[in-house]
Amino acid sequence: MIILASQSPRRKELLAQILKDIPFETIPSSFNERAIHESNCRHLCLEEAIGKGQEVSKTHPNDIIIASDTMVSFKGEQLGKPKDENDVYRMLRELSGNKHDIITAYCIIKNSEILKKRVVTATLFIEKMADLEIQEYIDTGSPFDKAGAYGVQDKDFINSKILSGSMSTIMGLPTDELAEDLKDLGIIK
């Protein structure tokens, strides 16, 4: 069995595109992300993905576990999920009219052994946002469960432009890279 160590509907949808007719389960990880003390966003993102995957692998050792983590990095600062409405304002004001990186790391694990791991980066530019636009976006409730306080795929989100990388990386699971690794491991054709 293949298990996606996530409760994200976006990741589930992206993995379904890769696996096509291959069934899989989703099991959220109980891994404590705060246990990792790493200042480099790329390393931190990968360590969190591995931690999530290994946590699920403990109770499902014979299954293939796919785990990922996504972070927004702006001027070297990690922007995780916002704590509250004020945090959403702070993040979106910083990102407004600027470009930033979205880092998604993933790993493929079986029996707590890392079979593949990868860190993929995309760069996004967000158009300038007025306070009213930020408030309207907050009112949708969408920014609270997303790194950087936004979902580029949200229809209510302001205009943005991908400067490099893919939409799937930004959404939390780089489909091209993951498909390549799953093929390399013989999990998909």
N, C-alpha and C. Protein backbone atom coordinates (compact mmCIF):
# COMPACT_ATOMS: atom_id res chain seq x y z
N MET A 1 0.84 -1.18 0.00
CA MET A 1 0.00 0.00 0.00
C MET A 1 0.88 1.24 0.00
N ILE A 2 0.42 2.27 -0.68
CA ILE A 2 1.08 3.57 -0.66
C ILE A 2 0.31 4.46 0.29
N ILE A 3 1.04 5.16 1.14
CA ILE A 3 0.42 6.06 2.11
C ILE A 3 1.00 7.46 1.93
N LEU A 4 0.12 8.44 1.81
CA LEU A 4 0.51 9.84 1.82
C LEU A 4 0.41 10.32 3.26
N ALA A 5 1.54 10.71 3.84
CA ALA A 5 1.58 11.15 5.24
C ALA A 5 1.17 12.62 5.31
N SER A 6 -0.10 12.87 5.04
CA SER A 6 -0.59 14.24 4.98
C SER A 6 -2.11 14.26 5.07
N GLN A 7 -2.64 15.36 5.57
CA GLN A 7 -4.08 15.55 5.53
C GLN A 7 -4.45 16.64 4.53
N SER A 8 -3.48 17.12 3.76
CA SER A 8 -3.71 18.19 2.80
C SER A 8 -4.52 17.70 1.60
N PRO A 9 -5.67 18.32 1.34
CA PRO A 9 -6.44 17.93 0.15
C PRO A 9 -5.68 18.25 -1.14
N ARG A 10 -4.83 19.27 -1.11
CA ARG A 10 -4.06 19.62 -2.30
C ARG A 10 -3.04 18.52 -2.62
N ARG A 11 -2.33 18.05 -1.60
CA ARG A 11 -1.34 16.99 -1.83
C ARG A 11 -2.03 15.70 -2.28
N LYS A 12 -3.16 15.40 -1.68
CA LYS A 12 -3.92 14.20 -2.06
C LYS A 12 -4.31 14.26 -3.54
N GLU A 13 -4.78 15.40 -3.97
CA GLU A 13 -5.18 15.59 -5.37
C GLU A 13 -3.97 15.44 -6.31
N LEU A 14 -2.83 16.02 -5.91
CA LEU A 14 -1.63 15.94 -6.75
C LEU A 14 -1.10 14.50 -6.83
N LEU A 15 -1.11 13.78 -5.70
CA LEU A 15 -0.64 12.40 -5.72
C LEU A 15 -1.56 11.53 -6.57
N ALA A 16 -2.86 11.78 -6.51
CA ALA A 16 -3.82 11.02 -7.33
C ALA A 16 -3.52 11.20 -8.82
N GLN A 17 -3.07 12.40 -9.20
CA GLN A 17 -2.71 12.65 -10.61
C GLN A 17 -1.52 11.79 -11.02
N ILE A 18 -0.57 11.62 -10.12
CA ILE A 18 0.63 10.83 -10.42
C ILE A 18 0.29 9.34 -10.45
N LEU A 19 -0.43 8.86 -9.44
CA LEU A 19 -0.69 7.43 -9.29
C LEU A 19 -1.79 6.92 -10.21
N LYS A 20 -2.60 7.83 -10.74
CA LYS A 20 -3.72 7.50 -11.62
C LYS A 20 -4.65 6.48 -10.96
N ASP A 21 -4.61 5.22 -11.34
CA ASP A 21 -5.55 4.22 -10.81
C ASP A 21 -4.99 3.41 -9.64
N ILE A 22 -3.80 3.75 -9.17
CA ILE A 22 -3.21 3.02 -8.04
C ILE A 22 -3.81 3.59 -6.75
N PRO A 23 -4.42 2.72 -5.94
CA PRO A 23 -5.03 3.22 -4.69
C PRO A 23 -3.97 3.63 -3.67
N PHE A 24 -4.31 4.59 -2.83
CA PHE A 24 -3.43 5.00 -1.74
C PHE A 24 -4.28 5.52 -0.59
N GLU A 25 -3.69 5.54 0.58
CA GLU A 25 -4.35 6.06 1.77
C GLU A 25 -3.70 7.37 2.17
N THR A 26 -4.40 8.15 2.93
CA THR A 26 -3.79 9.34 3.55
C THR A 26 -3.85 9.14 5.06
N ILE A 27 -2.71 9.30 5.69
CA ILE A 27 -2.61 9.20 7.15
C ILE A 27 -1.78 10.39 7.62
N PRO A 28 -2.39 11.33 8.32
CA PRO A 28 -1.61 12.47 8.80
C PRO A 28 -0.58 12.03 9.83
N SER A 29 0.56 12.66 9.78
CA SER A 29 1.64 12.35 10.72
C SER A 29 1.47 13.15 12.00
N SER A 30 1.85 12.54 13.11
CA SER A 30 1.81 13.24 14.40
C SER A 30 3.18 13.80 14.76
N PHE A 31 4.08 13.84 13.79
CA PHE A 31 5.44 14.33 14.02
C PHE A 31 5.42 15.78 14.51
N ASN A 32 6.21 16.05 15.53
CA ASN A 32 6.32 17.40 16.09
C ASN A 32 7.37 18.19 15.31
N GLU A 33 6.92 19.04 14.39
CA GLU A 33 7.82 19.82 13.55
C GLU A 33 8.67 20.79 14.36
N ARG A 34 8.19 21.20 15.51
CA ARG A 34 8.93 22.15 16.35
C ARG A 34 10.16 21.52 17.00
N ALA A 35 10.28 20.20 16.90
CA ALA A 35 11.42 19.50 17.50
C ALA A 35 12.70 19.71 16.71
N ILE A 36 12.59 20.21 15.48
CA ILE A 36 13.77 20.40 14.63
C ILE A 36 14.25 21.83 14.77
N HIS A 37 15.54 21.97 15.00
CA HIS A 37 16.15 23.30 15.13
C HIS A 37 17.17 23.46 14.00
N GLU A 38 16.71 24.04 12.94
CA GLU A 38 17.53 24.21 11.73
C GLU A 38 17.19 25.57 11.15
N SER A 39 18.21 26.37 10.86
CA SER A 39 17.95 27.72 10.35
C SER A 39 17.86 27.77 8.83
N ASN A 40 18.48 26.83 8.14
CA ASN A 40 18.44 26.79 6.68
C ASN A 40 17.08 26.23 6.24
N CYS A 41 16.31 27.03 5.50
CA CYS A 41 14.94 26.64 5.11
C CYS A 41 14.91 25.33 4.32
N ARG A 42 15.85 25.14 3.41
CA ARG A 42 15.86 23.91 2.60
C ARG A 42 16.10 22.68 3.48
N HIS A 43 17.07 22.79 4.38
CA HIS A 43 17.37 21.67 5.28
C HIS A 43 16.21 21.41 6.23
N LEU A 44 15.64 22.48 6.77
CA LEU A 44 14.52 22.36 7.71
C LEU A 44 13.32 21.69 7.03
N CYS A 45 13.02 22.12 5.84
CA CYS A 45 11.89 21.57 5.09
C CYS A 45 12.09 20.07 4.86
N LEU A 46 13.30 19.67 4.46
CA LEU A 46 13.59 18.25 4.23
C LEU A 46 13.52 17.46 5.53
N GLU A 47 14.08 17.99 6.60
CA GLU A 47 14.05 17.29 7.89
C GLU A 47 12.61 17.11 8.38
N GLU A 48 11.76 18.08 8.14
CA GLU A 48 10.37 17.95 8.55
C GLU A 48 9.64 16.90 7.71
N ALA A 49 9.91 16.87 6.41
CA ALA A 49 9.30 15.84 5.55
C ALA A 49 9.74 14.45 6.00
N ILE A 50 11.03 14.29 6.28
CA ILE A 50 11.55 12.99 6.72
C ILE A 50 10.93 12.61 8.07
N GLY A 51 10.86 13.55 8.98
CA GLY A 51 10.26 13.28 10.29
C GLY A 51 8.82 12.80 10.17
N LYS A 52 8.05 13.46 9.31
CA LYS A 52 6.65 13.06 9.09
C LYS A 52 6.58 11.65 8.53
N GLY A 53 7.42 11.38 7.53
CA GLY A 53 7.41 10.07 6.89
C GLY A 53 7.83 8.95 7.83
N GLN A 54 8.86 9.19 8.60
CA GLN A 54 9.33 8.15 9.52
C GLN A 54 8.33 7.90 10.65
N GLU A 55 7.63 8.94 11.07
CA GLU A 55 6.61 8.77 12.10
C GLU A 55 5.51 7.83 11.62
N VAL A 56 5.03 8.01 10.39
CA VAL A 56 3.98 7.14 9.85
C VAL A 56 4.55 5.75 9.55
N SER A 57 5.79 5.68 9.13
CA SER A 57 6.42 4.40 8.81
C SER A 57 6.54 3.49 10.04
N LYS A 58 6.63 4.08 11.22
CA LYS A 58 6.72 3.27 12.45
C LYS A 58 5.52 2.35 12.61
N THR A 59 4.35 2.83 12.25
CA THR A 59 3.13 2.03 12.41
C THR A 59 2.71 1.33 11.11
N HIS A 60 3.38 1.65 10.01
CA HIS A 60 3.09 1.03 8.71
C HIS A 60 4.41 0.66 8.01
N PRO A 61 5.20 -0.22 8.64
CA PRO A 61 6.55 -0.50 8.13
C PRO A 61 6.61 -1.14 6.75
N ASN A 62 5.59 -1.87 6.34
CA ASN A 62 5.63 -2.56 5.06
C ASN A 62 5.06 -1.74 3.91
N ASP A 63 4.61 -0.54 4.22
CA ASP A 63 4.00 0.31 3.20
C ASP A 63 5.00 1.35 2.68
N ILE A 64 4.72 1.86 1.49
CA ILE A 64 5.50 2.96 0.92
C ILE A 64 4.89 4.25 1.47
N ILE A 65 5.70 5.06 2.14
CA ILE A 65 5.23 6.31 2.72
C ILE A 65 5.78 7.47 1.90
N ILE A 66 4.91 8.38 1.52
CA ILE A 66 5.32 9.61 0.84
C ILE A 66 4.97 10.76 1.78
N ALA A 67 5.98 11.53 2.15
CA ALA A 67 5.76 12.66 3.06
C ALA A 67 6.40 13.90 2.47
N SER A 68 5.78 15.03 2.71
CA SER A 68 6.36 16.27 2.20
C SER A 68 6.10 17.42 3.16
N ASP A 69 6.83 18.48 2.93
CA ASP A 69 6.67 19.70 3.71
C ASP A 69 6.92 20.87 2.77
N THR A 70 6.20 21.96 2.99
CA THR A 70 6.35 23.14 2.15
C THR A 70 6.57 24.36 3.02
N MET A 71 7.51 25.20 2.61
CA MET A 71 7.80 26.44 3.32
C MET A 71 7.90 27.58 2.34
N VAL A 72 7.58 28.74 2.83
CA VAL A 72 7.78 29.96 2.07
C VAL A 72 8.98 30.66 2.69
N SER A 73 9.91 31.06 1.83
CA SER A 73 11.11 31.74 2.29
C SER A 73 11.18 33.12 1.65
N PHE A 74 11.23 34.14 2.50
CA PHE A 74 11.31 35.52 2.02
C PHE A 74 12.46 36.21 2.72
N LYS A 75 13.45 36.63 1.94
CA LYS A 75 14.64 37.29 2.47
C LYS A 75 15.28 36.48 3.60
N GLY A 76 15.33 35.16 3.39
CA GLY A 76 15.96 34.28 4.36
C GLY A 76 15.10 33.90 5.56
N GLU A 77 13.91 34.48 5.66
CA GLU A 77 13.02 34.18 6.78
C GLU A 77 11.99 33.14 6.35
N GLN A 78 11.78 32.15 7.20
CA GLN A 78 10.77 31.14 6.94
C GLN A 78 9.40 31.69 7.34
N LEU A 79 8.45 31.61 6.41
CA LEU A 79 7.07 32.01 6.70
C LEU A 79 6.22 30.74 6.71
N GLY A 80 5.89 30.28 7.89
CA GLY A 80 5.08 29.07 8.03
C GLY A 80 3.60 29.41 7.97
N LYS A 81 2.80 28.56 8.58
CA LYS A 81 1.36 28.82 8.65
C LYS A 81 1.14 29.94 9.66
N PRO A 82 0.26 30.89 9.33
CA PRO A 82 0.04 32.02 10.25
C PRO A 82 -0.61 31.59 11.56
N LYS A 83 -0.24 32.28 12.62
CA LYS A 83 -0.79 31.99 13.95
C LYS A 83 -2.19 32.58 14.11
N ASP A 84 -2.40 33.74 13.49
CA ASP A 84 -3.67 34.44 13.65
C ASP A 84 -3.82 35.46 12.52
N GLU A 85 -4.89 36.26 12.58
CA GLU A 85 -5.17 37.24 11.54
C GLU A 85 -4.05 38.28 11.41
N ASN A 86 -3.49 38.72 12.53
CA ASN A 86 -2.39 39.69 12.48
C ASN A 86 -1.17 39.12 11.75
N ASP A 87 -0.94 37.83 11.95
CA ASP A 87 0.18 37.17 11.29
C ASP A 87 -0.06 37.08 9.78
N VAL A 88 -1.32 36.85 9.39
CA VAL A 88 -1.65 36.85 7.96
C VAL A 88 -1.34 38.22 7.36
N TYR A 89 -1.79 39.28 8.03
CA TYR A 89 -1.51 40.64 7.54
C TYR A 89 -0.02 40.87 7.39
N ARG A 90 0.74 40.52 8.42
CA ARG A 90 2.18 40.74 8.40
C ARG A 90 2.82 40.04 7.21
N MET A 91 2.50 38.76 7.03
CA MET A 91 3.10 37.98 5.94
C MET A 91 2.71 38.52 4.57
N LEU A 92 1.42 38.77 4.38
CA LEU A 92 0.98 39.22 3.06
C LEU A 92 1.47 40.63 2.73
N ARG A 93 1.61 41.48 3.73
CA ARG A 93 2.21 42.80 3.48
C ARG A 93 3.66 42.66 3.05
N GLU A 94 4.40 41.74 3.69
CA GLU A 94 5.80 41.52 3.31
C GLU A 94 5.91 40.97 1.89
N LEU A 95 5.05 40.02 1.55
CA LEU A 95 5.13 39.37 0.24
C LEU A 95 4.55 40.22 -0.89
N SER A 96 3.66 41.13 -0.55
CA SER A 96 3.00 41.99 -1.52
C SER A 96 4.01 42.81 -2.33
N GLY A 97 3.95 42.66 -3.65
CA GLY A 97 4.85 43.40 -4.53
C GLY A 97 6.26 42.85 -4.57
N ASN A 98 6.45 41.64 -4.07
CA ASN A 98 7.79 41.04 -4.00
C ASN A 98 7.79 39.62 -4.54
N LYS A 99 8.99 39.13 -4.80
CA LYS A 99 9.15 37.73 -5.16
C LYS A 99 9.71 36.99 -3.95
N HIS A 100 9.43 35.70 -3.90
CA HIS A 100 9.89 34.87 -2.80
C HIS A 100 9.97 33.42 -3.28
N ASP A 101 10.59 32.58 -2.48
CA ASP A 101 10.73 31.17 -2.83
C ASP A 101 9.74 30.31 -2.06
N ILE A 102 9.26 29.29 -2.72
CA ILE A 102 8.45 28.26 -2.09
C ILE A 102 9.28 26.99 -2.19
N ILE A 103 9.57 26.42 -1.04
CA ILE A 103 10.41 25.23 -0.97
C ILE A 103 9.52 24.06 -0.57
N THR A 104 9.54 23.01 -1.38
CA THR A 104 8.83 21.78 -1.03
C THR A 104 9.83 20.64 -1.03
N ALA A 105 9.90 19.95 0.09
CA ALA A 105 10.74 18.77 0.21
C ALA A 105 9.84 17.56 0.37
N TYR A 106 10.28 16.44 -0.18
CA TYR A 106 9.54 15.21 0.02
C TYR A 106 10.50 14.05 0.18
N CYS A 107 9.98 12.97 0.72
CA CYS A 107 10.76 11.75 0.83
C CYS A 107 9.83 10.56 0.60
N ILE A 108 10.44 9.48 0.17
CA ILE A 108 9.75 8.21 -0.01
C ILE A 108 10.44 7.24 0.95
N ILE A 109 9.65 6.64 1.83
CA ILE A 109 10.20 5.81 2.91
C ILE A 109 9.50 4.46 2.93
N LYS A 110 10.26 3.42 3.24
CA LYS A 110 9.68 2.11 3.52
C LYS A 110 10.46 1.52 4.69
N ASN A 111 9.74 1.03 5.69
CA ASN A 111 10.36 0.43 6.88
C ASN A 111 11.39 1.38 7.51
N SER A 112 11.01 2.64 7.60
CA SER A 112 11.83 3.72 8.17
C SER A 112 13.11 4.02 7.39
N GLU A 113 13.29 3.38 6.24
CA GLU A 113 14.45 3.64 5.39
C GLU A 113 14.07 4.64 4.31
N ILE A 114 14.88 5.67 4.15
CA ILE A 114 14.64 6.69 3.11
C ILE A 114 15.08 6.13 1.76
N LEU A 115 14.12 5.92 0.87
CA LEU A 115 14.42 5.40 -0.45
C LEU A 115 14.80 6.54 -1.41
N LYS A 116 14.12 7.66 -1.29
CA LYS A 116 14.39 8.86 -2.10
C LYS A 116 14.05 10.08 -1.28
N LYS A 117 14.76 11.15 -1.52
CA LYS A 117 14.44 12.44 -0.90
C LYS A 117 14.85 13.53 -1.87
N ARG A 118 14.10 14.62 -1.82
CA ARG A 118 14.39 15.71 -2.76
C ARG A 118 13.83 17.02 -2.23
N VAL A 119 14.51 18.11 -2.55
CA VAL A 119 14.05 19.46 -2.22
C VAL A 119 13.90 20.21 -3.54
N VAL A 120 12.73 20.79 -3.75
CA VAL A 120 12.43 21.48 -5.01
C VAL A 120 11.98 22.90 -4.66
N THR A 121 12.44 23.86 -5.46
CA THR A 121 12.12 25.27 -5.19
C THR A 121 11.42 25.90 -6.39
N ALA A 122 10.46 26.73 -6.09
CA ALA A 122 9.79 27.57 -7.10
C ALA A 122 9.87 29.01 -6.61
N THR A 123 9.84 29.95 -7.54
CA THR A 123 9.86 31.37 -7.19
C THR A 123 8.59 32.01 -7.71
N LEU A 124 7.96 32.79 -6.84
CA LEU A 124 6.66 33.40 -7.16
C LEU A 124 6.72 34.90 -6.90
N PHE A 125 6.08 35.66 -7.76
CA PHE A 125 5.91 37.10 -7.54
C PHE A 125 4.44 37.36 -7.25
N ILE A 126 4.18 38.08 -6.16
CA ILE A 126 2.80 38.44 -5.80
C ILE A 126 2.60 39.94 -6.07
N GLU A 127 1.56 40.24 -6.83
CA GLU A 127 1.22 41.64 -7.11
C GLU A 127 1.00 42.40 -5.80
N LYS A 128 1.13 43.71 -5.87
CA LYS A 128 0.90 44.56 -4.71
C LYS A 128 -0.55 44.38 -4.24
N MET A 129 -0.72 44.21 -2.93
CA MET A 129 -2.05 44.02 -2.36
C MET A 129 -2.40 45.18 -1.44
N ALA A 130 -3.60 45.70 -1.60
CA ALA A 130 -4.10 46.73 -0.68
C ALA A 130 -4.62 46.05 0.59
N ASP A 131 -4.67 46.80 1.69
CA ASP A 131 -5.16 46.24 2.95
C ASP A 131 -6.56 45.65 2.80
N LEU A 132 -7.41 46.30 2.01
CA LEU A 132 -8.77 45.79 1.79
C LEU A 132 -8.73 44.43 1.10
N GLU A 133 -7.83 44.27 0.13
CA GLU A 133 -7.71 42.98 -0.56
C GLU A 133 -7.23 41.89 0.40
N ILE A 134 -6.29 42.25 1.28
CA ILE A 134 -5.81 41.29 2.27
C ILE A 134 -6.96 40.90 3.19
N GLN A 135 -7.74 41.87 3.65
CA GLN A 135 -8.86 41.57 4.54
C GLN A 135 -9.90 40.70 3.86
N GLU A 136 -10.19 40.99 2.60
CA GLU A 136 -11.16 40.17 1.86
C GLU A 136 -10.66 38.73 1.74
N TYR A 137 -9.36 38.57 1.54
CA TYR A 137 -8.79 37.22 1.45
C TYR A 137 -8.85 36.53 2.82
N ILE A 138 -8.56 37.26 3.88
CA ILE A 138 -8.65 36.70 5.24
C ILE A 138 -10.07 36.23 5.51
N ASP A 139 -11.03 37.02 5.09
CA ASP A 139 -12.45 36.69 5.33
C ASP A 139 -12.87 35.37 4.67
N THR A 140 -12.14 34.91 3.66
CA THR A 140 -12.45 33.62 3.04
C THR A 140 -12.06 32.46 3.95
N GLY A 141 -11.16 32.72 4.93
CA GLY A 141 -10.68 31.68 5.83
C GLY A 141 -9.56 30.85 5.24
N SER A 142 -9.22 31.07 4.00
CA SER A 142 -8.25 30.26 3.29
C SER A 142 -6.79 30.38 3.77
N PRO A 143 -6.32 31.57 4.17
CA PRO A 143 -4.89 31.68 4.45
C PRO A 143 -4.39 30.99 5.71
N PHE A 144 -5.27 30.54 6.57
CA PHE A 144 -4.84 30.08 7.89
C PHE A 144 -4.16 28.72 7.91
N ASP A 145 -4.36 27.89 6.89
CA ASP A 145 -3.73 26.57 6.91
C ASP A 145 -2.63 26.44 5.86
N LYS A 146 -2.09 27.58 5.43
CA LYS A 146 -1.11 27.55 4.35
C LYS A 146 0.17 28.29 4.72
N ALA A 147 1.29 27.71 4.36
CA ALA A 147 2.58 28.37 4.56
C ALA A 147 2.58 29.69 3.80
N GLY A 148 3.05 30.74 4.45
CA GLY A 148 3.09 32.05 3.82
C GLY A 148 1.75 32.77 3.82
N ALA A 149 0.72 32.13 4.35
CA ALA A 149 -0.62 32.71 4.50
C ALA A 149 -1.36 32.89 3.18
N TYR A 150 -1.04 32.07 2.19
CA TYR A 150 -1.79 32.17 0.93
C TYR A 150 -1.76 30.83 0.21
N GLY A 151 -2.73 30.67 -0.66
CA GLY A 151 -2.77 29.54 -1.59
C GLY A 151 -2.86 30.12 -2.99
N VAL A 152 -1.82 29.95 -3.76
CA VAL A 152 -1.79 30.55 -5.10
C VAL A 152 -2.93 30.02 -5.96
N GLN A 153 -3.42 28.83 -5.64
CA GLN A 153 -4.51 28.23 -6.40
C GLN A 153 -5.88 28.77 -6.01
N ASP A 154 -5.97 29.51 -4.90
CA ASP A 154 -7.25 30.04 -4.44
C ASP A 154 -7.80 31.07 -5.42
N LYS A 155 -9.08 30.92 -5.77
CA LYS A 155 -9.68 31.85 -6.73
C LYS A 155 -9.79 33.26 -6.16
N ASP A 156 -9.80 33.38 -4.83
CA ASP A 156 -9.90 34.70 -4.19
C ASP A 156 -8.56 35.37 -3.98
N PHE A 157 -7.47 34.68 -4.32
CA PHE A 157 -6.15 35.25 -4.10
C PHE A 157 -5.79 36.22 -5.21
N ILE A 158 -4.99 37.21 -4.85
CA ILE A 158 -4.57 38.27 -5.77
C ILE A 158 -3.70 37.69 -6.89
N ASN A 159 -3.50 38.45 -7.93
CA ASN A 159 -2.67 38.00 -9.05
C ASN A 159 -1.25 37.71 -8.62
N SER A 160 -0.73 36.63 -9.16
CA SER A 160 0.65 36.25 -8.90
C SER A 160 1.21 35.64 -10.17
N LYS A 161 2.53 35.54 -10.21
CA LYS A 161 3.18 35.01 -11.40
C LYS A 161 4.31 34.08 -10.97
N ILE A 162 4.31 32.86 -11.52
CA ILE A 162 5.39 31.92 -11.23
C ILE A 162 6.59 32.32 -12.08
N LEU A 163 7.69 32.65 -11.41
CA LEU A 163 8.91 33.06 -12.10
C LEU A 163 9.79 31.87 -12.45
N SER A 164 9.76 30.85 -11.60
CA SER A 164 10.49 29.60 -11.89
C SER A 164 9.85 28.48 -11.09
N GLY A 165 10.04 27.25 -11.55
CA GLY A 165 9.45 26.11 -10.86
C GLY A 165 8.03 25.84 -11.33
N SER A 166 7.35 24.97 -10.59
CA SER A 166 6.03 24.52 -11.02
C SER A 166 4.94 24.86 -10.02
N MET A 167 3.72 24.88 -10.50
CA MET A 167 2.55 25.10 -9.65
C MET A 167 2.44 23.98 -8.62
N SER A 168 2.76 22.74 -9.00
CA SER A 168 2.63 21.63 -8.05
C SER A 168 3.62 21.77 -6.89
N THR A 169 4.80 22.32 -7.16
CA THR A 169 5.76 22.57 -6.09
C THR A 169 5.18 23.60 -5.12
N ILE A 170 4.58 24.63 -5.66
CA ILE A 170 3.97 25.68 -4.85
C ILE A 170 2.81 25.12 -4.03
N MET A 171 2.06 24.19 -4.61
CA MET A 171 0.90 23.61 -3.92
C MET A 171 1.29 22.53 -2.91
N GLY A 172 2.55 22.08 -2.92
CA GLY A 172 3.00 21.19 -1.86
C GLY A 172 3.45 19.80 -2.23
N LEU A 173 3.48 19.46 -3.54
CA LEU A 173 3.97 18.14 -3.95
C LEU A 173 4.43 18.23 -5.40
N PRO A 174 5.75 18.33 -5.63
CA PRO A 174 6.26 18.48 -6.99
C PRO A 174 6.01 17.22 -7.84
N THR A 175 5.01 17.27 -8.68
CA THR A 175 4.55 16.08 -9.39
C THR A 175 5.58 15.50 -10.36
N ASP A 176 6.26 16.33 -11.12
CA ASP A 176 7.22 15.81 -12.10
C ASP A 176 8.35 15.06 -11.40
N GLU A 177 8.90 15.68 -10.37
CA GLU A 177 10.03 15.09 -9.66
C GLU A 177 9.61 13.82 -8.90
N LEU A 178 8.45 13.88 -8.25
CA LEU A 178 7.97 12.71 -7.51
C LEU A 178 7.67 11.56 -8.45
N ALA A 179 7.03 11.83 -9.57
CA ALA A 179 6.75 10.77 -10.55
C ALA A 179 8.05 10.13 -11.04
N GLU A 180 9.05 10.95 -11.30
CA GLU A 180 10.36 10.44 -11.74
C GLU A 180 10.95 9.50 -10.69
N ASP A 181 10.89 9.89 -9.42
CA ASP A 181 11.45 9.06 -8.35
C ASP A 181 10.63 7.79 -8.14
N LEU A 182 9.30 7.86 -8.25
CA LEU A 182 8.47 6.67 -8.10
C LEU A 182 8.71 5.69 -9.25
N LYS A 183 8.95 6.21 -10.45
CA LYS A 183 9.29 5.35 -11.58
C LYS A 183 10.64 4.69 -11.37
N ASP A 184 11.60 5.47 -10.91
CA ASP A 184 12.95 4.96 -10.65
C ASP A 184 12.92 3.82 -9.63
N LEU A 185 12.04 3.90 -8.66
CA LEU A 185 11.91 2.87 -7.63
C LEU A 185 11.03 1.69 -8.08
N GLY A 186 10.41 1.81 -9.27
CA GLY A 186 9.56 0.74 -9.78
C GLY A 186 8.18 0.72 -9.15
N ILE A 187 7.79 1.81 -8.50
CA ILE A 187 6.48 1.86 -7.84
C ILE A 187 5.38 2.19 -8.85
N ILE A 188 5.72 3.01 -9.85
CA ILE A 188 4.80 3.29 -10.96
C ILE A 188 5.56 3.06 -12.26
N LYS A 189 4.80 2.93 -13.34
CA LYS A 189 5.42 2.72 -14.66
C LYS A 189 5.53 4.01 -15.42
